[in-house]
Amino acid sequence: MTHQALWNAIAMLARRQGLTCSGLAKLSGLDATTFNKSKQFSPDGSPRWPSCSTIAKIVQATNISIIDFAEIVATNDD
């Protein structure tokens, strides 16, 4: 799994739900800016990975299994 594949999977999950990434964040009880591209890297350029808690919230909010989410990630792996 790559950093980019995980972020791509979040964006794809949002689209599948008919949402923007901001909408997915809000649906999941997160700040609307959680999935902004600017949050994917720290100021020094190192990658920021979503936490397990964040992944759990989006899986629960969209009513998919973690296995289904992992398959979305796998299809987006570089």
PDB file of N, CA and C in Angstrom:
ATOM      1  N   MET A   1       0.841  -1.172   0.000  1.00  0.00           N
ATOM      2  CA  MET A   1       0.000   0.000   0.000  1.00  0.00           C
ATOM      3  C   MET A   1       0.887   1.236   0.000  1.00  0.00           C
ATOM      4  N   THR A   2       0.542   2.161  -0.851  1.00  0.00           N
ATOM      5  CA  THR A   2       1.302   3.398  -0.907  1.00  0.00           C
ATOM      6  C   THR A   2       0.474   4.536  -0.314  1.00  0.00           C
ATOM      7  N   HIS A   3       1.166   5.574   0.045  1.00  0.00           N
ATOM      8  CA  HIS A   3       0.527   6.780   0.555  1.00  0.00           C
ATOM      9  C   HIS A   3      -0.500   7.303  -0.456  1.00  0.00           C
ATOM     10  N   GLN A   4      -0.084   7.408  -1.705  1.00  0.00           N
ATOM     11  CA  GLN A   4      -0.982   7.929  -2.745  1.00  0.00           C
ATOM     12  C   GLN A   4      -2.185   7.019  -2.963  1.00  0.00           C
ATOM     13  N   ALA A   5      -1.980   5.707  -2.909  1.00  0.00           N
ATOM     14  CA  ALA A   5      -3.094   4.776  -3.102  1.00  0.00           C
ATOM     15  C   ALA A   5      -4.146   4.949  -2.012  1.00  0.00           C
ATOM     16  N   LEU A   6      -3.715   5.178  -0.801  1.00  0.00           N
ATOM     17  CA  LEU A   6      -4.664   5.356   0.295  1.00  0.00           C
ATOM     18  C   LEU A   6      -5.472   6.638   0.119  1.00  0.00           C
ATOM     19  N   TRP A   7      -4.797   7.730  -0.211  1.00  0.00           N
ATOM     20  CA  TRP A   7      -5.517   8.987  -0.430  1.00  0.00           C
ATOM     21  C   TRP A   7      -6.421   8.900  -1.662  1.00  0.00           C
ATOM     22  N   ASN A   8      -5.973   8.220  -2.712  1.00  0.00           N
ATOM     23  CA  ASN A   8      -6.827   8.023  -3.891  1.00  0.00           C
ATOM     24  C   ASN A   8      -8.071   7.213  -3.538  1.00  0.00           C
ATOM     25  N   ALA A   9      -7.907   6.222  -2.677  1.00  0.00           N
ATOM     26  CA  ALA A   9      -9.033   5.381  -2.272  1.00  0.00           C
ATOM     27  C   ALA A   9     -10.067   6.191  -1.493  1.00  0.00           C
ATOM     28  N   ILE A  10      -9.612   7.097  -0.662  1.00  0.00           N
ATOM     29  CA  ILE A  10     -10.544   7.955   0.076  1.00  0.00           C
ATOM     30  C   ILE A  10     -11.340   8.810  -0.904  1.00  0.00           C
ATOM     31  N   ALA A  11     -10.662   9.389  -1.879  1.00  0.00           N
ATOM     32  CA  ALA A  11     -11.346  10.209  -2.888  1.00  0.00           C
ATOM     33  C   ALA A  11     -12.325   9.353  -3.696  1.00  0.00           C
ATOM     34  N   MET A  12     -11.936   8.145  -4.043  1.00  0.00           N
ATOM     35  CA  MET A  12     -12.810   7.265  -4.811  1.00  0.00           C
ATOM     36  C   MET A  12     -14.034   6.863  -3.990  1.00  0.00           C
ATOM     37  N   LEU A  13     -13.826   6.573  -2.718  1.00  0.00           N
ATOM     38  CA  LEU A  13     -14.945   6.220  -1.850  1.00  0.00           C
ATOM     39  C   LEU A  13     -15.934   7.391  -1.776  1.00  0.00           C
ATOM     40  N   ALA A  14     -15.417   8.584  -1.657  1.00  0.00           N
ATOM     41  CA  ALA A  14     -16.289   9.764  -1.632  1.00  0.00           C
ATOM     42  C   ALA A  14     -17.119   9.827  -2.911  1.00  0.00           C
ATOM     43  N   ARG A  15     -16.471   9.675  -4.061  1.00  0.00           N
ATOM     44  CA  ARG A  15     -17.193   9.728  -5.343  1.00  0.00           C
ATOM     45  C   ARG A  15     -18.249   8.634  -5.430  1.00  0.00           C
ATOM     46  N   ARG A  16     -17.904   7.438  -4.981  1.00  0.00           N
ATOM     47  CA  ARG A  16     -18.877   6.327  -5.023  1.00  0.00           C
ATOM     48  C   ARG A  16     -20.104   6.626  -4.168  1.00  0.00           C
ATOM     49  N   GLN A  17     -19.924   7.445  -3.143  1.00  0.00           N
ATOM     50  CA  GLN A  17     -21.030   7.810  -2.266  1.00  0.00           C
ATOM     51  C   GLN A  17     -21.751   9.059  -2.759  1.00  0.00           C
ATOM     52  N   GLY A  18     -21.290   9.598  -3.887  1.00  0.00           N
ATOM     53  CA  GLY A  18     -21.889  10.809  -4.425  1.00  0.00           C
ATOM     54  C   GLY A  18     -21.500  12.054  -3.641  1.00  0.00           C
ATOM     55  N   LEU A  19     -20.321  11.994  -3.023  1.00  0.00           N
ATOM     56  CA  LEU A  19     -19.851  13.078  -2.166  1.00  0.00           C
ATOM     57  C   LEU A  19     -18.524  13.639  -2.651  1.00  0.00           C
ATOM     58  N   THR A  20     -18.220  14.817  -2.187  1.00  0.00           N
ATOM     59  CA  THR A  20     -16.865  15.346  -2.311  1.00  0.00           C
ATOM     60  C   THR A  20     -16.065  14.789  -1.140  1.00  0.00           C
ATOM     61  N   CYS A  21     -14.776  14.986  -1.160  1.00  0.00           N
ATOM     62  CA  CYS A  21     -13.963  14.558  -0.012  1.00  0.00           C
ATOM     63  C   CYS A  21     -14.376  15.318   1.242  1.00  0.00           C
ATOM     64  N   SER A  22     -14.724  16.569   1.079  1.00  0.00           N
ATOM     65  CA  SER A  22     -15.212  17.369   2.201  1.00  0.00           C
ATOM     66  C   SER A  22     -16.519  16.802   2.747  1.00  0.00           C
ATOM     67  N   GLY A  23     -17.410  16.420   1.850  1.00  0.00           N
ATOM     68  CA  GLY A  23     -18.675  15.816   2.261  1.00  0.00           C
ATOM     69  C   GLY A  23     -18.478  14.501   2.982  1.00  0.00           C
ATOM     70  N   LEU A  24     -17.531  13.704   2.509  1.00  0.00           N
ATOM     71  CA  LEU A  24     -17.213  12.436   3.177  1.00  0.00           C
ATOM     72  C   LEU A  24     -16.686  12.699   4.583  1.00  0.00           C
ATOM     73  N   ALA A  25     -15.827  13.681   4.718  1.00  0.00           N
ATOM     74  CA  ALA A  25     -15.290  14.018   6.035  1.00  0.00           C
ATOM     75  C   ALA A  25     -16.420  14.415   6.986  1.00  0.00           C
ATOM     76  N   LYS A  26     -17.308  15.284   6.525  1.00  0.00           N
ATOM     77  CA  LYS A  26     -18.410  15.734   7.379  1.00  0.00           C
ATOM     78  C   LYS A  26     -19.347  14.580   7.733  1.00  0.00           C
ATOM     79  N   LEU A  27     -19.656  13.730   6.747  1.00  0.00           N
ATOM     80  CA  LEU A  27     -20.501  12.564   6.998  1.00  0.00           C
ATOM     81  C   LEU A  27     -19.883  11.665   8.071  1.00  0.00           C
ATOM     82  N   SER A  28     -18.569  11.625   8.099  1.00  0.00           N
ATOM     83  CA  SER A  28     -17.835  10.756   9.022  1.00  0.00           C
ATOM     84  C   SER A  28     -17.588  11.404  10.383  1.00  0.00           C
ATOM     85  N   GLY A  29     -18.086  12.623  10.552  1.00  0.00           N
ATOM     86  CA  GLY A  29     -17.902  13.309  11.822  1.00  0.00           C
ATOM     87  C   GLY A  29     -16.539  13.971  11.967  1.00  0.00           C
ATOM     88  N   LEU A  30     -15.892  14.203  10.843  1.00  0.00           N
ATOM     89  CA  LEU A  30     -14.563  14.808  10.830  1.00  0.00           C
ATOM     90  C   LEU A  30     -14.658  16.249  10.343  1.00  0.00           C
ATOM     91  N   ASP A  31     -13.608  16.994  10.560  1.00  0.00           N
ATOM     92  CA  ASP A  31     -13.539  18.357  10.038  1.00  0.00           C
ATOM     93  C   ASP A  31     -13.611  18.294   8.514  1.00  0.00           C
ATOM     94  N   ALA A  32     -14.304  19.243   7.925  1.00  0.00           N
ATOM     95  CA  ALA A  32     -14.496  19.252   6.471  1.00  0.00           C
ATOM     96  C   ALA A  32     -13.185  19.311   5.698  1.00  0.00           C
ATOM     97  N   THR A  33     -12.125  19.786   6.314  1.00  0.00           N
ATOM     98  CA  THR A  33     -10.837  19.917   5.612  1.00  0.00           C
ATOM     99  C   THR A  33      -9.924  18.709   5.796  1.00  0.00           C
ATOM    100  N   THR A  34     -10.389  17.698   6.489  1.00  0.00           N
ATOM    101  CA  THR A  34      -9.550  16.537   6.814  1.00  0.00           C
ATOM    102  C   THR A  34      -8.881  15.917   5.599  1.00  0.00           C
ATOM    103  N   PHE A  35      -9.591  15.833   4.483  1.00  0.00           N
ATOM    104  CA  PHE A  35      -9.056  15.148   3.307  1.00  0.00           C
ATOM    105  C   PHE A  35      -8.536  16.094   2.227  1.00  0.00           C
ATOM    106  N   ASN A  36      -8.364  17.373   2.567  1.00  0.00           N
ATOM    107  CA  ASN A  36      -7.806  18.321   1.599  1.00  0.00           C
ATOM    108  C   ASN A  36      -6.412  17.882   1.161  1.00  0.00           C
ATOM    109  N   LYS A  37      -6.096  18.146  -0.083  1.00  0.00           N
ATOM    110  CA  LYS A  37      -4.764  17.793  -0.597  1.00  0.00           C
ATOM    111  C   LYS A  37      -3.661  18.433   0.232  1.00  0.00           C
ATOM    112  N   SER A  38      -3.918  19.614   0.760  1.00  0.00           N
ATOM    113  CA  SER A  38      -2.906  20.306   1.565  1.00  0.00           C
ATOM    114  C   SER A  38      -2.598  19.576   2.868  1.00  0.00           C
ATOM    115  N   LYS A  39      -3.481  18.669   3.294  1.00  0.00           N
ATOM    116  CA  LYS A  39      -3.269  17.931   4.538  1.00  0.00           C
ATOM    117  C   LYS A  39      -2.555  16.595   4.298  1.00  0.00           C
ATOM    118  N   GLN A  40      -2.275  16.267   3.053  1.00  0.00           N
ATOM    119  CA  GLN A  40      -1.666  14.979   2.739  1.00  0.00           C
ATOM    120  C   GLN A  40      -0.159  14.959   2.954  1.00  0.00           C
ATOM    121  N   PHE A  41       0.420  16.142   3.102  1.00  0.00           N
ATOM    122  CA  PHE A  41       1.860  16.249   3.348  1.00  0.00           C
ATOM    123  C   PHE A  41       2.104  17.304   4.417  1.00  0.00           C
ATOM    124  N   SER A  42       3.104  17.085   5.232  1.00  0.00           N
ATOM    125  CA  SER A  42       3.468  18.069   6.250  1.00  0.00           C
ATOM    126  C   SER A  42       4.241  19.201   5.580  1.00  0.00           C
ATOM    127  N   PRO A  43       4.434  20.314   6.282  1.00  0.00           N
ATOM    128  CA  PRO A  43       5.160  21.443   5.690  1.00  0.00           C
ATOM    129  C   PRO A  43       6.558  21.084   5.174  1.00  0.00           C
ATOM    130  N   ASP A  44       7.192  20.078   5.777  1.00  0.00           N
ATOM    131  CA  ASP A  44       8.528  19.692   5.313  1.00  0.00           C
ATOM    132  C   ASP A  44       8.479  18.705   4.149  1.00  0.00           C
ATOM    133  N   GLY A  45       7.265  18.387   3.678  1.00  0.00           N
ATOM    134  CA  GLY A  45       7.115  17.506   2.525  1.00  0.00           C
ATOM    135  C   GLY A  45       6.945  16.039   2.846  1.00  0.00           C
ATOM    136  N   SER A  46       7.033  15.670   4.104  1.00  0.00           N
ATOM    137  CA  SER A  46       6.857  14.261   4.448  1.00  0.00           C
ATOM    138  C   SER A  46       5.371  13.893   4.402  1.00  0.00           C
ATOM    139  N   PRO A  47       5.088  12.671   3.987  1.00  0.00           N
ATOM    140  CA  PRO A  47       3.689  12.273   3.840  1.00  0.00           C
ATOM    141  C   PRO A  47       2.975  12.161   5.180  1.00  0.00           C
ATOM    142  N   ARG A  48       1.716  12.574   5.172  1.00  0.00           N
ATOM    143  CA  ARG A  48       0.841  12.375   6.330  1.00  0.00           C
ATOM    144  C   ARG A  48      -0.142  11.274   5.957  1.00  0.00           C
ATOM    145  N   TRP A  49      -0.243  10.287   6.818  1.00  0.00           N
ATOM    146  CA  TRP A  49      -1.140   9.163   6.590  1.00  0.00           C
ATOM    147  C   TRP A  49      -2.393   9.333   7.443  1.00  0.00           C
ATOM    148  N   PRO A  50      -3.565   9.016   6.913  1.00  0.00           N
ATOM    149  CA  PRO A  50      -4.772   9.058   7.746  1.00  0.00           C
ATOM    150  C   PRO A  50      -4.637   8.070   8.901  1.00  0.00           C
ATOM    151  N   SER A  51      -5.162   8.418  10.046  1.00  0.00           N
ATOM    152  CA  SER A  51      -5.086   7.537  11.215  1.00  0.00           C
ATOM    153  C   SER A  51      -6.057   6.365  11.068  1.00  0.00           C
ATOM    154  N   CYS A  52      -5.834   5.343  11.866  1.00  0.00           N
ATOM    155  CA  CYS A  52      -6.763   4.201  11.894  1.00  0.00           C
ATOM    156  C   CYS A  52      -8.158   4.670  12.302  1.00  0.00           C
ATOM    157  N   SER A  53      -8.221   5.614  13.221  1.00  0.00           N
ATOM    158  CA  SER A  53      -9.495   6.156  13.665  1.00  0.00           C
ATOM    159  C   SER A  53     -10.233   6.834  12.507  1.00  0.00           C
ATOM    160  N   THR A  54      -9.513   7.589  11.698  1.00  0.00           N
ATOM    161  CA  THR A  54     -10.124   8.253  10.547  1.00  0.00           C
ATOM    162  C   THR A  54     -10.658   7.230   9.554  1.00  0.00           C
ATOM    163  N   ILE A  55      -9.861   6.214   9.273  1.00  0.00           N
ATOM    164  CA  ILE A  55     -10.306   5.154   8.354  1.00  0.00           C
ATOM    165  C   ILE A  55     -11.543   4.459   8.918  1.00  0.00           C
ATOM    166  N   ALA A  56     -11.529   4.159  10.201  1.00  0.00           N
ATOM    167  CA  ALA A  56     -12.684   3.507  10.831  1.00  0.00           C
ATOM    168  C   ALA A  56     -13.938   4.364  10.706  1.00  0.00           C
ATOM    169  N   LYS A  57     -13.795   5.660  10.871  1.00  0.00           N
ATOM    170  CA  LYS A  57     -14.949   6.556  10.781  1.00  0.00           C
ATOM    171  C   LYS A  57     -15.528   6.600   9.372  1.00  0.00           C
ATOM    172  N   ILE A  58     -14.671   6.625   8.345  1.00  0.00           N
ATOM    173  CA  ILE A  58     -15.219   6.685   6.992  1.00  0.00           C
ATOM    174  C   ILE A  58     -15.831   5.345   6.583  1.00  0.00           C
ATOM    175  N   VAL A  59     -15.257   4.255   7.052  1.00  0.00           N
ATOM    176  CA  VAL A  59     -15.816   2.931   6.765  1.00  0.00           C
ATOM    177  C   VAL A  59     -17.196   2.803   7.408  1.00  0.00           C
ATOM    178  N   GLN A  60     -17.293   3.230   8.657  1.00  0.00           N
ATOM    179  CA  GLN A  60     -18.575   3.151   9.360  1.00  0.00           C
ATOM    180  C   GLN A  60     -19.612   4.081   8.727  1.00  0.00           C
ATOM    181  N   ALA A  61     -19.211   5.299   8.414  1.00  0.00           N
ATOM    182  CA  ALA A  61     -20.156   6.278   7.868  1.00  0.00           C
ATOM    183  C   ALA A  61     -20.695   5.873   6.501  1.00  0.00           C
ATOM    184  N   THR A  62     -19.884   5.169   5.727  1.00  0.00           N
ATOM    185  CA  THR A  62     -20.308   4.765   4.385  1.00  0.00           C
ATOM    186  C   THR A  62     -20.880   3.355   4.351  1.00  0.00           C
ATOM    187  N   ASN A  63     -20.861   2.698   5.509  1.00  0.00           N
ATOM    188  CA  ASN A  63     -21.442   1.365   5.649  1.00  0.00           C
ATOM    189  C   ASN A  63     -20.805   0.340   4.708  1.00  0.00           C
ATOM    190  N   ILE A  64     -19.468   0.427   4.595  1.00  0.00           N
ATOM    191  CA  ILE A  64     -18.747  -0.611   3.860  1.00  0.00           C
ATOM    192  C   ILE A  64     -17.859  -1.353   4.852  1.00  0.00           C
ATOM    193  N   SER A  65     -17.373  -2.493   4.456  1.00  0.00           N
ATOM    194  CA  SER A  65     -16.479  -3.239   5.336  1.00  0.00           C
ATOM    195  C   SER A  65     -15.042  -2.753   5.132  1.00  0.00           C
ATOM    196  N   ILE A  66     -14.226  -3.032   6.099  1.00  0.00           N
ATOM    197  CA  ILE A  66     -12.804  -2.682   5.973  1.00  0.00           C
ATOM    198  C   ILE A  66     -12.179  -3.467   4.820  1.00  0.00           C
ATOM    199  N   ILE A  67     -12.690  -4.648   4.557  1.00  0.00           N
ATOM    200  CA  ILE A  67     -12.211  -5.454   3.427  1.00  0.00           C
ATOM    201  C   ILE A  67     -12.538  -4.743   2.115  1.00  0.00           C
ATOM    202  N   ASP A  68     -13.760  -4.220   2.006  1.00  0.00           N
ATOM    203  CA  ASP A  68     -14.138  -3.485   0.798  1.00  0.00           C
ATOM    204  C   ASP A  68     -13.252  -2.249   0.623  1.00  0.00           C
ATOM    205  N   PHE A  69     -12.978  -1.551   1.722  1.00  0.00           N
ATOM    206  CA  PHE A  69     -12.116  -0.384   1.627  1.00  0.00           C
ATOM    207  C   PHE A  69     -10.705  -0.804   1.204  1.00  0.00           C
ATOM    208  N   ALA A  70     -10.216  -1.895   1.756  1.00  0.00           N
ATOM    209  CA  ALA A  70      -8.878  -2.374   1.390  1.00  0.00           C
ATOM    210  C   ALA A  70      -8.816  -2.715  -0.100  1.00  0.00           C
ATOM    211  N   GLU A  71      -9.898  -3.240  -0.644  1.00  0.00           N
ATOM    212  CA  GLU A  71      -9.932  -3.538  -2.083  1.00  0.00           C
ATOM    213  C   GLU A  71      -9.874  -2.263  -2.908  1.00  0.00           C
ATOM    214  N   ILE A  72     -10.541  -1.200  -2.425  1.00  0.00           N
ATOM    215  CA  ILE A  72     -10.463   0.081  -3.136  1.00  0.00           C
ATOM    216  C   ILE A  72      -9.015   0.592  -3.106  1.00  0.00           C
ATOM    217  N   VAL A  73      -8.379   0.477  -1.951  1.00  0.00           N
ATOM    218  CA  VAL A  73      -6.975   0.900  -1.843  1.00  0.00           C
ATOM    219  C   VAL A  73      -6.106   0.089  -2.817  1.00  0.00           C
ATOM    220  N   ALA A  74      -6.322  -1.226  -2.832  1.00  0.00           N
ATOM    221  CA  ALA A  74      -5.506  -2.102  -3.690  1.00  0.00           C
ATOM    222  C   ALA A  74      -5.656  -1.760  -5.164  1.00  0.00           C
ATOM    223  N   THR A  75      -6.850  -1.349  -5.577  1.00  0.00           N
ATOM    224  CA  THR A  75      -7.053  -1.024  -6.987  1.00  0.00           C
ATOM    225  C   THR A  75      -6.440   0.328  -7.339  1.00  0.00           C
ATOM    226  N   ASN A  76      -6.052   1.100  -6.335  1.00  0.00           N
ATOM    227  CA  ASN A  76      -5.442   2.404  -6.561  1.00  0.00           C
ATOM    228  C   ASN A  76      -3.956   2.409  -6.287  1.00  0.00           C
ATOM    229  N   ASP A  77      -3.395   1.232  -5.953  1.00  0.00           N
ATOM    230  CA  ASP A  77      -1.972   1.162  -5.638  1.00  0.00           C
ATOM    231  C   ASP A  77      -1.147   1.349  -6.911  1.00  0.00           C
ATOM    232  N   ASP A  78      -0.098   2.092  -6.784  1.00  0.00           N
ATOM    233  CA  ASP A  78       0.754   2.400  -7.945  1.00  0.00           C
ATOM    234  C   ASP A  78       1.478   1.189  -8.459  1.00  0.00           C
TER     235      ASP A  78
END
